[in-house]
Amino acid sequence: MTTRTAVITGASSGIGAATARRLAASGFRVVLTARRADRVEALAAELTEAGHEAVPYALDVTDRPAVDAFAAGLDRCDVLVNNAGGALGTDPVSSADPADWQRMYEVNVLGVLHMTQALLPALEASPSGEGTVVVLTSTAGHGTYEGGAGYAAAKHGAHVLTETLRLELCGKPVRIVEIAPGMVKTDEFALNRFRGDEAKASKVYAGVAEPLTADDVADTVDWAVTRPPRVNVDLLVLRPRAQASNTKVHREG
């Protein structure tokens, strides 16, 4: 293959799907991974019909043997976008379910570890000399809030993994980029966090005129990975104008 290849995890919806569309438009062959095969197959078909190169692959990033098998069958990787993740619950530390914390850690931290370890040889060998690892963390990884300890701990773990990897790969032809979004309104993030309770999920964005969109975040991913190889975007934090911090949000009405 002579086309630059970008692997995107969690590409079945939200930021992952938006990133796939952006990178495909920028000329990448996109490899779309997620647990929901039907979703990535539909997105791949959409992108192919639009004239782009897109390959769907059903994958659970917490399944290390499956990740290794995926990596072994990949002919090339220039960009890895570690987007798969998510939050479960808003319970206080005193009553939080340890199983929720474990699941968040497995997806948000170990999933990044599995994918990065498996694809790092290919990224270092990128024919274009611009191997790039992007990790989508969260502003929660840089400052916590009540009811968010489990998610914040997981995203802080992803942040620390990313920061450490950059130190360890210094001098090698691989860039390590962290993008930390604040309030992003997608179809599934809040809904999954509240276990399908639409009323609770909608309250997250109540009164916020313009939360970030998935495409806003995807735009920053596209910008970061298309800089000249000498440019590393270490950390990019983005929030909607209405959000000054994790605990201060302007809500109209």
C-alpha atoms as a PDB file:
ATOM      1  CA  MET A   1       0.000   0.000   0.000  1.00  0.00           C
ATOM      2  CA  THR A   2       1.212   3.487  -0.836  1.00  0.00           C
ATOM      3  CA  THR A   3      -1.684   5.349   0.769  1.00  0.00           C
ATOM      4  CA  ARG A   4      -1.225   6.658   4.290  1.00  0.00           C
ATOM      5  CA  THR A   5      -3.311   4.552   6.647  1.00  0.00           C
ATOM      6  CA  ALA A   6      -5.103   5.729   9.784  1.00  0.00           C
ATOM      7  CA  VAL A   7      -6.553   3.286  12.293  1.00  0.00           C
ATOM      8  CA  ILE A   8      -9.418   4.711  14.338  1.00  0.00           C
ATOM      9  CA  THR A   9     -10.858   2.968  17.379  1.00  0.00           C
ATOM     10  CA  GLY A  10     -14.416   3.562  18.518  1.00  0.00           C
ATOM     11  CA  ALA A  11     -15.294   4.509  14.942  1.00  0.00           C
ATOM     12  CA  SER A  12     -18.903   3.355  15.138  1.00  0.00           C
ATOM     13  CA  SER A  13     -20.304   6.720  16.262  1.00  0.00           C
ATOM     14  CA  GLY A  14     -19.578  10.173  17.664  1.00  0.00           C
ATOM     15  CA  ILE A  15     -16.039  11.489  17.592  1.00  0.00           C
ATOM     16  CA  GLY A  16     -14.629   8.294  16.080  1.00  0.00           C
ATOM     17  CA  ALA A  17     -16.977   8.335  13.098  1.00  0.00           C
ATOM     18  CA  ALA A  18     -16.466  12.067  12.580  1.00  0.00           C
ATOM     19  CA  THR A  19     -12.691  11.572  12.689  1.00  0.00           C
ATOM     20  CA  ALA A  20     -12.931   8.821  10.087  1.00  0.00           C
ATOM     21  CA  ARG A  21     -14.799  11.155   7.750  1.00  0.00           C
ATOM     22  CA  ARG A  22     -12.275  13.959   8.278  1.00  0.00           C
ATOM     23  CA  LEU A  23      -9.185  11.798   7.748  1.00  0.00           C
ATOM     24  CA  ALA A  24     -10.708  10.096   4.711  1.00  0.00           C
ATOM     25  CA  ALA A  25     -11.325  13.542   3.209  1.00  0.00           C
ATOM     26  CA  SER A  26      -7.663  14.357   3.910  1.00  0.00           C
ATOM     27  CA  GLY A  27      -6.549  11.407   1.782  1.00  0.00           C
ATOM     28  CA  PHE A  28      -5.996   8.686   4.372  1.00  0.00           C
ATOM     29  CA  ARG A  29      -7.107   5.113   3.946  1.00  0.00           C
ATOM     30  CA  VAL A  30      -9.118   4.724   7.128  1.00  0.00           C
ATOM     31  CA  VAL A  31      -9.397   1.456   9.032  1.00  0.00           C
ATOM     32  CA  LEU A  32     -12.534   1.643  11.138  1.00  0.00           C
ATOM     33  CA  THR A  33     -12.594  -0.429  14.307  1.00  0.00           C
ATOM     34  CA  ALA A  34     -15.334  -0.837  16.903  1.00  0.00           C
ATOM     35  CA  ARG A  35     -17.265  -3.616  18.578  1.00  0.00           C
ATOM     36  CA  ARG A  36     -20.400  -2.957  16.498  1.00  0.00           C
ATOM     37  CA  ALA A  37     -19.629  -4.471  13.121  1.00  0.00           C
ATOM     38  CA  ASP A  38     -22.799  -3.195  11.485  1.00  0.00           C
ATOM     39  CA  ARG A  39     -21.942   0.415  12.342  1.00  0.00           C
ATOM     40  CA  VAL A  40     -18.384   0.383  10.968  1.00  0.00           C
ATOM     41  CA  GLU A  41     -19.496  -1.537   7.888  1.00  0.00           C
ATOM     42  CA  ALA A  42     -22.146   1.101   7.176  1.00  0.00           C
ATOM     43  CA  LEU A  43     -19.632   3.919   7.647  1.00  0.00           C
ATOM     44  CA  ALA A  44     -17.091   2.180   5.423  1.00  0.00           C
ATOM     45  CA  ALA A  45     -19.738   1.815   2.729  1.00  0.00           C
ATOM     46  CA  GLU A  46     -20.615   5.513   3.019  1.00  0.00           C
ATOM     47  CA  LEU A  47     -16.988   6.559   2.676  1.00  0.00           C
ATOM     48  CA  THR A  48     -16.283   4.148  -0.176  1.00  0.00           C
ATOM     49  CA  GLU A  49     -19.296   5.442  -2.081  1.00  0.00           C
ATOM     50  CA  ALA A  50     -17.880   8.940  -1.653  1.00  0.00           C
ATOM     51  CA  GLY A  51     -14.630   7.820  -3.302  1.00  0.00           C
ATOM     52  CA  HIS A  52     -12.507   7.215  -0.207  1.00  0.00           C
ATOM     53  CA  GLU A  53     -10.637   4.115   0.965  1.00  0.00           C
ATOM     54  CA  ALA A  54     -12.241   2.653   4.084  1.00  0.00           C
ATOM     55  CA  VAL A  55     -11.922  -0.757   5.724  1.00  0.00           C
ATOM     56  CA  PRO A  56     -14.259  -1.916   8.536  1.00  0.00           C
ATOM     57  CA  TYR A  57     -13.015  -4.240  11.266  1.00  0.00           C
ATOM     58  CA  ALA A  58     -15.003  -5.452  14.283  1.00  0.00           C
ATOM     59  CA  LEU A  59     -12.688  -5.158  17.280  1.00  0.00           C
ATOM     60  CA  ASP A  60     -12.875  -4.882  21.062  1.00  0.00           C
ATOM     61  CA  VAL A  61      -9.797  -2.956  22.205  1.00  0.00           C
ATOM     62  CA  THR A  62      -9.904  -4.672  25.616  1.00  0.00           C
ATOM     63  CA  ASP A  63      -9.363  -8.091  23.965  1.00  0.00           C
ATOM     64  CA  ARG A  64      -5.573  -8.320  23.608  1.00  0.00           C
ATOM     65  CA  PRO A  65      -5.452 -11.490  21.457  1.00  0.00           C
ATOM     66  CA  ALA A  66      -7.972  -9.901  19.071  1.00  0.00           C
ATOM     67  CA  VAL A  67      -5.925  -6.687  18.969  1.00  0.00           C
ATOM     68  CA  ASP A  68      -2.746  -8.637  18.199  1.00  0.00           C
ATOM     69  CA  ALA A  69      -4.490 -10.556  15.418  1.00  0.00           C
ATOM     70  CA  PHE A  70      -5.754  -7.288  13.952  1.00  0.00           C
ATOM     71  CA  ALA A  71      -2.272  -5.743  14.031  1.00  0.00           C
ATOM     72  CA  ALA A  72      -0.713  -8.826  12.417  1.00  0.00           C
ATOM     73  CA  GLY A  73      -3.061  -8.526   9.462  1.00  0.00           C
ATOM     74  CA  LEU A  74      -2.470  -4.820   8.882  1.00  0.00           C
ATOM     75  CA  ASP A  75      -0.100  -3.997   6.037  1.00  0.00           C
ATOM     76  CA  ARG A  76       0.666  -0.459   7.168  1.00  0.00           C
ATOM     77  CA  CYS A  77      -0.161   2.099   9.853  1.00  0.00           C
ATOM     78  CA  ASP A  78       0.798   5.770   9.784  1.00  0.00           C
ATOM     79  CA  VAL A  79      -1.697   7.136  12.293  1.00  0.00           C
ATOM     80  CA  LEU A  80      -3.410   5.513  15.263  1.00  0.00           C
ATOM     81  CA  VAL A  81      -6.338   7.395  16.781  1.00  0.00           C
ATOM     82  CA  ASN A  82      -7.138   5.928  20.203  1.00  0.00           C
ATOM     83  CA  ASN A  83     -10.694   7.145  20.531  1.00  0.00           C
ATOM     84  CA  ALA A  84     -12.539   4.179  22.084  1.00  0.00           C
ATOM     85  CA  GLY A  85     -13.626   5.014  25.618  1.00  0.00           C
ATOM     86  CA  GLY A  86     -16.507   6.239  27.680  1.00  0.00           C
ATOM     87  CA  ALA A  87     -17.959   6.937  31.101  1.00  0.00           C
ATOM     88  CA  LEU A  88     -20.220   4.869  33.338  1.00  0.00           C
ATOM     89  CA  GLY A  89     -22.251   6.439  36.127  1.00  0.00           C
ATOM     90  CA  THR A  90     -21.949   9.562  38.251  1.00  0.00           C
ATOM     91  CA  ASP A  91     -21.954   7.962  41.682  1.00  0.00           C
ATOM     92  CA  PRO A  92     -19.831   9.413  44.497  1.00  0.00           C
ATOM     93  CA  VAL A  93     -16.716   7.573  45.620  1.00  0.00           C
ATOM     94  CA  SER A  94     -18.541   6.326  48.717  1.00  0.00           C
ATOM     95  CA  SER A  95     -21.078   4.309  46.708  1.00  0.00           C
ATOM     96  CA  ALA A  96     -19.595   3.850  43.224  1.00  0.00           C
ATOM     97  CA  ASP A  97     -19.656   0.383  41.702  1.00  0.00           C
ATOM     98  CA  PRO A  98     -16.085  -0.968  41.397  1.00  0.00           C
ATOM     99  CA  ALA A  99     -17.180  -2.881  38.286  1.00  0.00           C
ATOM    100  CA  ASP A 100     -17.917   0.439  36.552  1.00  0.00           C
ATOM    101  CA  TRP A 101     -14.481   1.736  37.473  1.00  0.00           C
ATOM    102  CA  GLN A 102     -12.842  -1.435  36.214  1.00  0.00           C
ATOM    103  CA  ARG A 103     -14.674  -1.274  32.899  1.00  0.00           C
ATOM    104  CA  MET A 104     -13.751   2.400  32.419  1.00  0.00           C
ATOM    105  CA  TYR A 105     -10.096   1.637  33.150  1.00  0.00           C
ATOM    106  CA  GLU A 106     -10.062  -1.320  30.775  1.00  0.00           C
ATOM    107  CA  VAL A 107     -11.480   0.679  27.864  1.00  0.00           C
ATOM    108  CA  ASN A 108      -9.942   4.122  28.438  1.00  0.00           C
ATOM    109  CA  VAL A 109      -6.473   3.029  29.576  1.00  0.00           C
ATOM    110  CA  LEU A 110      -5.773  -0.615  28.768  1.00  0.00           C
ATOM    111  CA  GLY A 111      -7.476  -0.282  25.397  1.00  0.00           C
ATOM    112  CA  VAL A 112      -5.036   2.509  24.527  1.00  0.00           C
ATOM    113  CA  LEU A 113      -2.161   0.389  25.814  1.00  0.00           C
ATOM    114  CA  HIS A 114      -3.155  -2.681  23.783  1.00  0.00           C
ATOM    115  CA  MET A 115      -3.595  -0.781  20.521  1.00  0.00           C
ATOM    116  CA  THR A 116      -0.461   1.321  20.942  1.00  0.00           C
ATOM    117  CA  GLN A 117       1.773  -1.625  21.835  1.00  0.00           C
ATOM    118  CA  ALA A 118       0.424  -3.708  18.970  1.00  0.00           C
ATOM    119  CA  LEU A 119       0.792  -1.008  16.307  1.00  0.00           C
ATOM    120  CA  LEU A 120       3.917   0.786  17.486  1.00  0.00           C
ATOM    121  CA  PRO A 121       6.284  -1.248  15.246  1.00  0.00           C
ATOM    122  CA  ALA A 122       4.217  -0.320  12.186  1.00  0.00           C
ATOM    123  CA  LEU A 123       4.026   3.320  13.281  1.00  0.00           C
ATOM    124  CA  GLU A 124       7.810   3.499  13.702  1.00  0.00           C
ATOM    125  CA  ALA A 125       8.193   1.951  10.254  1.00  0.00           C
ATOM    126  CA  SER A 126       5.745   4.343   8.608  1.00  0.00           C
ATOM    127  CA  PRO A 127       6.984   4.815   5.019  1.00  0.00           C
ATOM    128  CA  SER A 128       6.012   8.465   5.183  1.00  0.00           C
ATOM    129  CA  GLY A 129       8.116   8.962   8.305  1.00  0.00           C
ATOM    130  CA  GLU A 130       5.196  10.548  10.127  1.00  0.00           C
ATOM    131  CA  GLY A 131       3.916   7.845  12.451  1.00  0.00           C
ATOM    132  CA  THR A 132       1.489   9.460  14.894  1.00  0.00           C
ATOM    133  CA  VAL A 133      -0.348   8.206  17.965  1.00  0.00           C
ATOM    134  CA  VAL A 134      -3.361  10.294  18.960  1.00  0.00           C
ATOM    135  CA  VAL A 135      -5.042   9.696  22.306  1.00  0.00           C
ATOM    136  CA  LEU A 136      -8.470  11.212  22.922  1.00  0.00           C
ATOM    137  CA  THR A 137      -8.588  11.879  26.645  1.00  0.00           C
ATOM    138  CA  SER A 138     -10.830  14.465  28.302  1.00  0.00           C
ATOM    139  CA  THR A 139     -10.686  17.598  30.394  1.00  0.00           C
ATOM    140  CA  ALA A 140     -11.795  15.162  33.125  1.00  0.00           C
ATOM    141  CA  GLY A 141      -8.254  13.789  32.985  1.00  0.00           C
ATOM    142  CA  HIS A 142      -6.917  17.208  33.971  1.00  0.00           C
ATOM    143  CA  GLY A 143      -9.374  18.209  36.679  1.00  0.00           C
ATOM    144  CA  THR A 144     -12.033  16.244  38.502  1.00  0.00           C
ATOM    145  CA  TYR A 145     -15.584  17.022  39.597  1.00  0.00           C
ATOM    146  CA  GLU A 146     -18.147  15.538  41.975  1.00  0.00           C
ATOM    147  CA  GLY A 147     -19.495  12.249  40.744  1.00  0.00           C
ATOM    148  CA  GLY A 148     -16.741  11.907  38.186  1.00  0.00           C
ATOM    149  CA  ALA A 149     -13.922  10.223  40.092  1.00  0.00           C
ATOM    150  CA  GLY A 150     -13.984   6.942  38.196  1.00  0.00           C
ATOM    151  CA  TYR A 151     -14.026   8.530  34.757  1.00  0.00           C
ATOM    152  CA  ALA A 152     -11.514  11.212  35.757  1.00  0.00           C
ATOM    153  CA  ALA A 153      -9.180   8.563  37.137  1.00  0.00           C
ATOM    154  CA  ALA A 154      -9.377   6.577  33.912  1.00  0.00           C
ATOM    155  CA  LYS A 155      -8.806   9.602  31.689  1.00  0.00           C
ATOM    156  CA  HIS A 156      -5.967  10.782  33.928  1.00  0.00           C
ATOM    157  CA  GLY A 157      -4.455   7.335  33.414  1.00  0.00           C
ATOM    158  CA  ALA A 158      -4.734   7.792  29.648  1.00  0.00           C
ATOM    159  CA  HIS A 159      -3.142  11.247  29.977  1.00  0.00           C
ATOM    160  CA  VAL A 160      -0.220   9.876  31.999  1.00  0.00           C
ATOM    161  CA  LEU A 161       0.251   6.993  29.564  1.00  0.00           C
ATOM    162  CA  THR A 162       0.425   9.477  26.689  1.00  0.00           C
ATOM    163  CA  GLU A 163       2.814  11.843  28.444  1.00  0.00           C
ATOM    164  CA  THR A 164       5.126   8.992  29.452  1.00  0.00           C
ATOM    165  CA  LEU A 165       5.103   7.449  25.984  1.00  0.00           C
ATOM    166  CA  ARG A 166       6.220  10.766  24.512  1.00  0.00           C
ATOM    167  CA  LEU A 167       9.229  10.762  26.840  1.00  0.00           C
ATOM    168  CA  GLU A 168      10.080   7.149  26.079  1.00  0.00           C
ATOM    169  CA  LEU A 169       9.885   7.579  22.293  1.00  0.00           C
ATOM    170  CA  CYS A 170      11.887  10.793  22.158  1.00  0.00           C
ATOM    171  CA  GLY A 171      14.281  10.503  19.211  1.00  0.00           C
ATOM    172  CA  LYS A 172      12.110   8.026  17.308  1.00  0.00           C
ATOM    173  CA  PRO A 173      10.013   8.969  14.253  1.00  0.00           C
ATOM    174  CA  VAL A 174       6.667   8.847  16.069  1.00  0.00           C
ATOM    175  CA  ARG A 175       4.606  11.794  17.319  1.00  0.00           C
ATOM    176  CA  ILE A 176       2.466  11.448  20.441  1.00  0.00           C
ATOM    177  CA  VAL A 177      -0.577  13.720  20.507  1.00  0.00           C
ATOM    178  CA  GLU A 178      -3.157  14.155  23.255  1.00  0.00           C
ATOM    179  CA  ILE A 179      -6.469  15.852  22.553  1.00  0.00           C
ATOM    180  CA  ALA A 180      -8.626  16.570  25.609  1.00  0.00           C
ATOM    181  CA  PRO A 181     -12.170  17.737  24.826  1.00  0.00           C
ATOM    182  CA  GLY A 182     -14.555  19.244  27.319  1.00  0.00           C
ATOM    183  CA  MET A 183     -18.330  19.205  26.835  1.00  0.00           C
ATOM    184  CA  VAL A 184     -19.110  17.472  23.546  1.00  0.00           C
ATOM    185  CA  LYS A 185     -22.709  16.677  22.627  1.00  0.00           C
ATOM    186  CA  THR A 186     -22.918  13.361  20.815  1.00  0.00           C
ATOM    187  CA  ASP A 187     -25.721  10.846  20.412  1.00  0.00           C
ATOM    188  CA  GLU A 188     -24.318   8.314  22.856  1.00  0.00           C
ATOM    189  CA  PHE A 189     -21.772   9.558  25.410  1.00  0.00           C
ATOM    190  CA  ALA A 190     -24.157  10.908  28.078  1.00  0.00           C
ATOM    191  CA  LEU A 191     -26.785   8.293  27.227  1.00  0.00           C
ATOM    192  CA  ASN A 192     -24.305   5.488  27.881  1.00  0.00           C
ATOM    193  CA  ARG A 193     -23.110   7.169  31.065  1.00  0.00           C
ATOM    194  CA  PHE A 194     -26.663   7.240  32.411  1.00  0.00           C
ATOM    195  CA  ARG A 195     -27.405   3.703  31.186  1.00  0.00           C
ATOM    196  CA  GLY A 196     -29.968   4.770  28.605  1.00  0.00           C
ATOM    197  CA  ASP A 197     -31.834   7.304  30.751  1.00  0.00           C
ATOM    198  CA  GLU A 198     -32.613   9.990  28.161  1.00  0.00           C
ATOM    199  CA  ALA A 199     -33.941  12.489  30.706  1.00  0.00           C
ATOM    200  CA  LYS A 200     -30.727  12.430  32.732  1.00  0.00           C
ATOM    201  CA  ALA A 201     -28.572  12.514  29.619  1.00  0.00           C
ATOM    202  CA  SER A 202     -30.339  15.592  28.254  1.00  0.00           C
ATOM    203  CA  LYS A 203     -29.760  17.511  31.501  1.00  0.00           C
ATOM    204  CA  VAL A 204     -26.011  17.419  30.862  1.00  0.00           C
ATOM    205  CA  TYR A 205     -26.465  19.881  27.994  1.00  0.00           C
ATOM    206  CA  ALA A 206     -29.511  21.768  29.299  1.00  0.00           C
ATOM    207  CA  GLY A 207     -29.217  25.496  28.684  1.00  0.00           C
ATOM    208  CA  VAL A 208     -25.850  25.227  26.923  1.00  0.00           C
ATOM    209  CA  ALA A 209     -26.384  27.020  23.627  1.00  0.00           C
ATOM    210  CA  GLU A 210     -23.469  25.500  21.742  1.00  0.00           C
ATOM    211  CA  PRO A 211     -21.626  22.534  23.201  1.00  0.00           C
ATOM    212  CA  LEU A 212     -18.846  21.125  21.051  1.00  0.00           C
ATOM    213  CA  THR A 213     -19.795  18.720  18.280  1.00  0.00           C
ATOM    214  CA  ALA A 214     -18.064  15.493  17.327  1.00  0.00           C
ATOM    215  CA  ASP A 215     -16.887  17.204  14.139  1.00  0.00           C
ATOM    216  CA  ASP A 216     -15.281  20.020  16.147  1.00  0.00           C
ATOM    217  CA  VAL A 217     -13.091  17.450  17.860  1.00  0.00           C
ATOM    218  CA  ALA A 218     -12.460  15.521  14.641  1.00  0.00           C
ATOM    219  CA  ASP A 219     -11.291  18.757  13.042  1.00  0.00           C
ATOM    220  CA  THR A 220      -8.568  19.102  15.678  1.00  0.00           C
ATOM    221  CA  VAL A 221      -7.468  15.491  15.153  1.00  0.00           C
ATOM    222  CA  ASP A 222      -7.223  16.080  11.413  1.00  0.00           C
ATOM    223  CA  TRP A 223      -5.266  19.302  11.955  1.00  0.00           C
ATOM    224  CA  ALA A 224      -2.836  17.699  14.407  1.00  0.00           C
ATOM    225  CA  VAL A 225      -1.969  14.692  12.239  1.00  0.00           C
ATOM    226  CA  THR A 226      -1.582  16.718   9.044  1.00  0.00           C
ATOM    227  CA  ARG A 227       1.043  19.100  10.462  1.00  0.00           C
ATOM    228  CA  PRO A 228       4.581  18.632   9.104  1.00  0.00           C
ATOM    229  CA  PRO A 229       6.290  15.618  10.764  1.00  0.00           C
ATOM    230  CA  ARG A 230       8.522  17.954  12.785  1.00  0.00           C
ATOM    231  CA  VAL A 231       5.483  19.435  14.561  1.00  0.00           C
ATOM    232  CA  ASN A 232       4.132  17.562  17.599  1.00  0.00           C
ATOM    233  CA  VAL A 233       0.924  18.825  19.191  1.00  0.00           C
ATOM    234  CA  ASP A 234       1.668  17.626  22.717  1.00  0.00           C
ATOM    235  CA  LEU A 235      -1.659  18.556  24.297  1.00  0.00           C
ATOM    236  CA  LEU A 236      -4.680  20.303  22.850  1.00  0.00           C
ATOM    237  CA  VAL A 237      -7.512  21.141  25.251  1.00  0.00           C
ATOM    238  CA  LEU A 238     -10.773  22.324  23.714  1.00  0.00           C
ATOM    239  CA  ARG A 239     -14.013  23.365  25.326  1.00  0.00           C
ATOM    240  CA  PRO A 240     -17.144  25.172  24.176  1.00  0.00           C
ATOM    241  CA  ARG A 241     -17.113  28.882  24.929  1.00  0.00           C
ATOM    242  CA  ALA A 242     -19.827  28.324  27.539  1.00  0.00           C
ATOM    243  CA  GLN A 243     -17.591  26.005  29.569  1.00  0.00           C
ATOM    244  CA  ALA A 244     -14.892  27.748  31.585  1.00  0.00           C
ATOM    245  CA  SER A 245     -13.939  24.604  33.518  1.00  0.00           C
ATOM    246  CA  ASN A 246     -15.303  21.182  34.372  1.00  0.00           C
ATOM    247  CA  THR A 247     -17.411  22.765  37.115  1.00  0.00           C
ATOM    248  CA  LYS A 248     -18.302  26.157  35.605  1.00  0.00           C
ATOM    249  CA  VAL A 249     -20.710  26.151  32.667  1.00  0.00           C
ATOM    250  CA  HIS A 250     -22.910  28.994  31.487  1.00  0.00           C
ATOM    251  CA  ARG A 251     -26.488  27.798  31.061  1.00  0.00           C
ATOM    252  CA  GLU A 252     -29.118  30.117  29.636  1.00  0.00           C
ATOM    253  CA  GLY A 253     -32.480  30.331  31.372  1.00  0.00           C
END
